[in-house]
N, C-alpha and C. Protein backbone atom coordinates (compact mmCIF):
# COMPACT_ATOMS: atom_id res chain seq x y z
N MET A 1 -30.43 43.63 -42.97
CA MET A 1 -29.08 43.15 -43.19
C MET A 1 -28.91 41.80 -42.49
N ASN A 2 -28.39 40.84 -43.18
CA ASN A 2 -28.21 39.50 -42.63
C ASN A 2 -26.81 39.37 -42.01
N CYS A 3 -26.62 40.09 -40.91
CA CYS A 3 -25.33 40.12 -40.23
C CYS A 3 -25.58 40.07 -38.72
N PRO A 4 -24.94 39.16 -37.99
CA PRO A 4 -25.19 39.07 -36.55
C PRO A 4 -24.80 40.33 -35.78
N ILE A 5 -23.78 41.04 -36.21
CA ILE A 5 -23.40 42.28 -35.52
C ILE A 5 -24.47 43.34 -35.74
N ALA A 6 -24.94 43.47 -36.97
CA ALA A 6 -26.00 44.43 -37.25
C ALA A 6 -27.26 44.11 -36.45
N LYS A 7 -27.61 42.84 -36.35
CA LYS A 7 -28.80 42.44 -35.60
C LYS A 7 -28.62 42.75 -34.11
N SER A 8 -27.43 42.48 -33.58
CA SER A 8 -27.16 42.80 -32.17
C SER A 8 -27.30 44.29 -31.92
N LEU A 9 -26.80 45.10 -32.85
CA LEU A 9 -26.94 46.54 -32.71
C LEU A 9 -28.39 46.98 -32.79
N ASP A 10 -29.18 46.31 -33.63
CA ASP A 10 -30.61 46.61 -33.68
C ASP A 10 -31.27 46.35 -32.33
N LEU A 11 -30.84 45.30 -31.64
CA LEU A 11 -31.47 44.91 -30.37
C LEU A 11 -31.03 45.80 -29.21
N MET A 12 -29.76 46.21 -29.19
CA MET A 12 -29.26 46.89 -28.00
C MET A 12 -28.16 47.90 -28.27
N GLY A 13 -28.11 48.45 -29.46
CA GLY A 13 -26.96 49.23 -29.86
C GLY A 13 -27.00 50.72 -29.64
N ASP A 14 -27.70 51.20 -28.66
CA ASP A 14 -27.59 52.64 -28.39
C ASP A 14 -27.27 52.88 -26.92
N ARG A 15 -26.82 54.06 -26.64
CA ARG A 15 -26.33 54.41 -25.30
C ARG A 15 -27.34 54.09 -24.20
N TRP A 16 -28.56 54.56 -24.34
CA TRP A 16 -29.53 54.42 -23.25
C TRP A 16 -29.92 52.97 -23.04
N THR A 17 -30.04 52.21 -24.11
CA THR A 17 -30.37 50.79 -23.99
C THR A 17 -29.29 50.06 -23.22
N LEU A 18 -28.05 50.31 -23.56
CA LEU A 18 -26.94 49.66 -22.86
C LEU A 18 -26.89 50.07 -21.39
N LEU A 19 -27.19 51.32 -21.10
CA LEU A 19 -27.16 51.79 -19.71
C LEU A 19 -28.33 51.24 -18.91
N ILE A 20 -29.47 51.03 -19.54
CA ILE A 20 -30.59 50.37 -18.86
C ILE A 20 -30.18 48.94 -18.50
N LEU A 21 -29.59 48.24 -19.44
CA LEU A 21 -29.11 46.87 -19.16
C LEU A 21 -28.09 46.89 -18.03
N ARG A 22 -27.16 47.85 -18.06
CA ARG A 22 -26.17 47.98 -16.97
C ARG A 22 -26.86 48.11 -15.62
N ASP A 23 -27.83 49.01 -15.54
CA ASP A 23 -28.52 49.24 -14.27
C ASP A 23 -29.26 47.99 -13.79
N LEU A 24 -29.79 47.23 -14.71
CA LEU A 24 -30.50 46.01 -14.32
C LEU A 24 -29.54 44.89 -13.92
N PHE A 25 -28.30 44.95 -14.34
CA PHE A 25 -27.30 44.02 -13.81
C PHE A 25 -26.88 44.43 -12.41
N ILE A 26 -26.76 45.73 -12.19
CA ILE A 26 -26.33 46.22 -10.88
C ILE A 26 -27.40 45.97 -9.83
N SER A 27 -28.65 46.26 -10.17
CA SER A 27 -29.78 45.99 -9.29
C SER A 27 -30.61 44.91 -9.97
N SER A 28 -31.06 43.95 -9.24
CA SER A 28 -31.80 42.86 -9.88
C SER A 28 -33.09 43.32 -10.53
N SER A 29 -33.66 44.41 -10.03
CA SER A 29 -34.83 45.00 -10.66
C SER A 29 -34.83 46.50 -10.37
N CYS A 30 -35.39 47.25 -11.28
CA CYS A 30 -35.46 48.71 -11.14
C CYS A 30 -36.83 49.20 -11.56
N ARG A 31 -37.32 50.15 -10.81
CA ARG A 31 -38.54 50.84 -11.21
C ARG A 31 -38.18 51.90 -12.24
N TYR A 32 -39.18 52.36 -12.97
CA TYR A 32 -38.99 53.41 -13.97
C TYR A 32 -38.31 54.62 -13.33
N VAL A 33 -38.79 55.04 -12.18
CA VAL A 33 -38.26 56.24 -11.53
C VAL A 33 -36.79 56.03 -11.14
N GLU A 34 -36.41 54.82 -10.76
CA GLU A 34 -35.01 54.54 -10.42
C GLU A 34 -34.13 54.62 -11.67
N LEU A 35 -34.63 54.10 -12.77
CA LEU A 35 -33.88 54.20 -14.02
C LEU A 35 -33.74 55.67 -14.42
N ARG A 36 -34.80 56.40 -14.29
CA ARG A 36 -34.81 57.83 -14.65
C ARG A 36 -33.79 58.61 -13.84
N GLU A 37 -33.68 58.31 -12.53
CA GLU A 37 -32.71 58.99 -11.67
C GLU A 37 -31.27 58.61 -12.03
N SER A 38 -31.07 57.37 -12.39
CA SER A 38 -29.73 56.88 -12.71
C SER A 38 -29.23 57.39 -14.06
N LEU A 39 -30.15 57.53 -15.01
CA LEU A 39 -29.78 57.87 -16.38
C LEU A 39 -29.94 59.36 -16.63
N THR A 40 -29.07 60.12 -16.04
CA THR A 40 -29.11 61.57 -16.16
C THR A 40 -29.05 61.98 -17.62
N GLY A 41 -30.03 62.77 -18.04
CA GLY A 41 -30.03 63.30 -19.39
C GLY A 41 -31.00 62.62 -20.34
N VAL A 42 -31.53 61.46 -19.96
CA VAL A 42 -32.48 60.79 -20.85
C VAL A 42 -33.86 61.42 -20.66
N SER A 43 -34.55 61.64 -21.76
CA SER A 43 -35.90 62.19 -21.65
C SER A 43 -36.86 61.07 -21.24
N PRO A 44 -37.96 61.42 -20.58
CA PRO A 44 -38.94 60.41 -20.18
C PRO A 44 -39.48 59.63 -21.39
N THR A 45 -39.72 60.33 -22.49
CA THR A 45 -40.24 59.67 -23.69
C THR A 45 -39.25 58.66 -24.23
N LEU A 46 -37.98 59.04 -24.31
CA LEU A 46 -36.96 58.15 -24.83
C LEU A 46 -36.75 56.94 -23.90
N LEU A 47 -36.73 57.18 -22.59
CA LEU A 47 -36.59 56.08 -21.65
C LEU A 47 -37.75 55.10 -21.80
N SER A 48 -38.96 55.59 -21.88
CA SER A 48 -40.13 54.72 -22.05
C SER A 48 -40.01 53.91 -23.34
N GLN A 49 -39.56 54.55 -24.41
CA GLN A 49 -39.42 53.84 -25.68
C GLN A 49 -38.34 52.76 -25.60
N ARG A 50 -37.22 53.06 -24.98
CA ARG A 50 -36.15 52.07 -24.86
C ARG A 50 -36.61 50.88 -24.01
N ILE A 51 -37.36 51.15 -22.95
CA ILE A 51 -37.89 50.06 -22.12
C ILE A 51 -38.82 49.19 -22.95
N LYS A 52 -39.72 49.82 -23.71
CA LYS A 52 -40.63 49.05 -24.58
C LYS A 52 -39.86 48.21 -25.58
N ASP A 53 -38.82 48.80 -26.18
CA ASP A 53 -38.01 48.06 -27.15
C ASP A 53 -37.34 46.85 -26.50
N LEU A 54 -36.80 47.05 -25.30
CA LEU A 54 -36.14 45.95 -24.60
C LEU A 54 -37.12 44.84 -24.25
N ILE A 55 -38.32 45.22 -23.87
CA ILE A 55 -39.36 44.22 -23.58
C ILE A 55 -39.73 43.48 -24.86
N ASN A 56 -39.99 44.23 -25.93
CA ASN A 56 -40.37 43.62 -27.21
C ASN A 56 -39.28 42.71 -27.77
N ASN A 57 -38.02 43.04 -27.48
CA ASN A 57 -36.90 42.22 -27.96
C ASN A 57 -36.55 41.08 -27.01
N GLY A 58 -37.31 40.95 -25.92
CA GLY A 58 -37.13 39.84 -25.00
C GLY A 58 -35.92 39.95 -24.09
N LEU A 59 -35.39 41.15 -23.91
CA LEU A 59 -34.22 41.31 -23.05
C LEU A 59 -34.58 41.68 -21.61
N ILE A 60 -35.71 42.34 -21.41
CA ILE A 60 -36.19 42.63 -20.06
C ILE A 60 -37.67 42.31 -19.99
N GLU A 61 -38.17 42.24 -18.75
CA GLU A 61 -39.59 41.99 -18.54
C GLU A 61 -40.07 42.82 -17.36
N GLN A 62 -41.38 43.05 -17.34
CA GLN A 62 -42.00 43.72 -16.20
C GLN A 62 -42.14 42.72 -15.07
N CYS A 63 -42.00 43.22 -13.85
CA CYS A 63 -42.17 42.38 -12.68
C CYS A 63 -42.66 43.26 -11.53
N GLU A 64 -42.88 42.65 -10.41
CA GLU A 64 -43.23 43.41 -9.21
C GLU A 64 -41.97 43.56 -8.38
N LYS A 65 -41.65 44.79 -7.98
CA LYS A 65 -40.46 45.04 -7.16
C LYS A 65 -40.67 44.37 -5.80
N PRO A 66 -39.78 43.47 -5.42
CA PRO A 66 -39.95 42.74 -4.15
C PRO A 66 -40.14 43.68 -2.96
N GLY A 67 -41.12 43.37 -2.18
CA GLY A 67 -41.39 44.12 -0.96
C GLY A 67 -42.13 45.42 -1.12
N THR A 68 -42.35 45.86 -2.37
CA THR A 68 -43.00 47.15 -2.57
C THR A 68 -44.33 47.05 -3.31
N GLY A 69 -44.46 46.05 -4.15
CA GLY A 69 -45.65 45.93 -4.98
C GLY A 69 -45.65 46.84 -6.20
N HIS A 70 -44.58 47.63 -6.37
CA HIS A 70 -44.48 48.52 -7.52
C HIS A 70 -44.04 47.76 -8.77
N ILE A 71 -44.44 48.27 -9.91
CA ILE A 71 -43.99 47.72 -11.19
C ILE A 71 -42.51 48.05 -11.37
N ALA A 72 -41.75 47.05 -11.80
CA ALA A 72 -40.32 47.23 -12.03
C ALA A 72 -39.95 46.44 -13.28
N TYR A 73 -38.68 46.46 -13.60
CA TYR A 73 -38.16 45.75 -14.76
C TYR A 73 -36.97 44.92 -14.32
N ARG A 74 -36.80 43.76 -14.97
CA ARG A 74 -35.66 42.90 -14.68
C ARG A 74 -35.22 42.24 -15.98
N LEU A 75 -34.00 41.73 -15.95
CA LEU A 75 -33.47 41.04 -17.12
C LEU A 75 -34.13 39.69 -17.30
N THR A 76 -34.34 39.31 -18.53
CA THR A 76 -34.78 37.96 -18.85
C THR A 76 -33.52 37.10 -19.00
N PRO A 77 -33.67 35.79 -19.11
CA PRO A 77 -32.48 34.97 -19.39
C PRO A 77 -31.72 35.46 -20.62
N ARG A 78 -32.44 35.85 -21.66
CA ARG A 78 -31.79 36.37 -22.87
C ARG A 78 -31.06 37.68 -22.57
N GLY A 79 -31.67 38.52 -21.74
CA GLY A 79 -31.03 39.77 -21.35
C GLY A 79 -29.75 39.55 -20.57
N LYS A 80 -29.73 38.51 -19.74
CA LYS A 80 -28.53 38.19 -18.96
C LYS A 80 -27.38 37.74 -19.86
N GLU A 81 -27.69 37.30 -21.06
CA GLU A 81 -26.64 36.91 -22.00
C GLU A 81 -25.84 38.10 -22.51
N THR A 82 -26.31 39.31 -22.25
CA THR A 82 -25.58 40.50 -22.70
C THR A 82 -24.42 40.86 -21.77
N LYS A 83 -24.28 40.19 -20.65
CA LYS A 83 -23.24 40.54 -19.67
C LYS A 83 -21.84 40.58 -20.29
N PRO A 84 -21.42 39.56 -21.06
CA PRO A 84 -20.06 39.64 -21.62
C PRO A 84 -19.85 40.86 -22.53
N ILE A 85 -20.89 41.28 -23.19
CA ILE A 85 -20.80 42.46 -24.06
C ILE A 85 -20.57 43.70 -23.21
N LEU A 86 -21.34 43.82 -22.12
CA LEU A 86 -21.20 44.98 -21.24
C LEU A 86 -19.86 44.97 -20.52
N VAL A 87 -19.38 43.78 -20.13
CA VAL A 87 -18.07 43.68 -19.49
C VAL A 87 -16.99 44.15 -20.47
N ALA A 88 -17.07 43.70 -21.71
CA ALA A 88 -16.07 44.11 -22.71
C ALA A 88 -16.11 45.62 -22.93
N LEU A 89 -17.30 46.20 -23.00
CA LEU A 89 -17.42 47.65 -23.15
C LEU A 89 -16.85 48.39 -21.94
N ALA A 90 -17.13 47.87 -20.74
CA ALA A 90 -16.61 48.50 -19.53
C ALA A 90 -15.08 48.45 -19.50
N LYS A 91 -14.51 47.31 -19.84
CA LYS A 91 -13.04 47.19 -19.85
C LYS A 91 -12.42 48.07 -20.92
N PHE A 92 -13.08 48.16 -22.06
CA PHE A 92 -12.58 49.00 -23.15
C PHE A 92 -12.59 50.48 -22.75
N GLY A 93 -13.64 50.91 -22.07
CA GLY A 93 -13.78 52.32 -21.71
C GLY A 93 -13.02 52.73 -20.46
N LEU A 94 -12.63 51.78 -19.63
CA LEU A 94 -12.00 52.10 -18.35
C LEU A 94 -10.76 52.99 -18.49
N PRO A 95 -9.86 52.74 -19.43
CA PRO A 95 -8.68 53.61 -19.54
C PRO A 95 -9.02 55.06 -19.93
N GLU A 96 -10.20 55.28 -20.44
CA GLU A 96 -10.59 56.61 -20.90
C GLU A 96 -11.20 57.48 -19.82
N ILE A 97 -11.45 56.90 -18.64
CA ILE A 97 -12.02 57.69 -17.54
C ILE A 97 -10.95 57.85 -16.45
N ASP A 98 -11.28 58.57 -15.42
CA ASP A 98 -10.29 58.88 -14.39
C ASP A 98 -9.99 57.71 -13.45
N GLY A 99 -10.57 56.56 -13.73
CA GLY A 99 -10.28 55.38 -12.91
C GLY A 99 -11.21 55.18 -11.73
N ARG A 100 -12.04 56.15 -11.44
CA ARG A 100 -12.96 56.01 -10.30
C ARG A 100 -14.28 55.42 -10.79
N VAL A 101 -14.46 54.16 -10.51
CA VAL A 101 -15.68 53.46 -10.90
C VAL A 101 -16.37 53.00 -9.62
N PRO A 102 -17.67 53.20 -9.50
CA PRO A 102 -18.36 52.72 -8.30
C PRO A 102 -18.09 51.23 -8.09
N ASP A 103 -17.63 50.87 -6.89
CA ASP A 103 -17.27 49.49 -6.60
C ASP A 103 -18.37 48.51 -6.91
N LYS A 104 -19.61 48.82 -6.53
CA LYS A 104 -20.72 47.90 -6.74
C LYS A 104 -20.90 47.62 -8.24
N ALA A 105 -20.82 48.66 -9.04
CA ALA A 105 -20.98 48.48 -10.48
C ALA A 105 -19.86 47.62 -11.05
N TRP A 106 -18.63 47.90 -10.67
CA TRP A 106 -17.51 47.14 -11.22
C TRP A 106 -17.55 45.68 -10.77
N ARG A 107 -17.87 45.45 -9.50
CA ARG A 107 -17.99 44.07 -9.00
C ARG A 107 -19.07 43.31 -9.73
N THR A 108 -20.15 43.98 -10.06
CA THR A 108 -21.25 43.34 -10.79
C THR A 108 -20.76 42.81 -12.13
N PHE A 109 -19.92 43.56 -12.79
CA PHE A 109 -19.48 43.15 -14.13
C PHE A 109 -18.26 42.26 -14.13
N THR A 110 -17.51 42.23 -13.06
CA THR A 110 -16.28 41.43 -13.07
C THR A 110 -16.44 40.12 -12.30
N SER A 111 -17.52 39.95 -11.57
CA SER A 111 -17.73 38.69 -10.85
C SER A 111 -18.37 37.66 -11.76
N LYS A 112 -18.01 36.45 -11.58
CA LYS A 112 -18.53 35.30 -12.35
C LYS A 112 -18.48 35.60 -13.80
């Protein structure tokens, strides 16, 4: 389909993909195990596939976690361009929850 919205959804339009991007905004880099702990309910196979998709689509990249030497993931410049989308989704969903949002997460999305 030759539609920018459809293409955007192809790149990042499912729950787990958006939540992986969220976690990488909150922490500058995350290891697989950290993503797995944060994303309650995602299967290991699905998480691995979403990470591969994000890498293949140029939104995240593998890196070395600073100070640990472990493999981690971080946003690419293209991945950082998704911030306004995540901010809009967060603002849209905020009235639907009880109002308690982790401060660090909210500050990440509302700063700059």
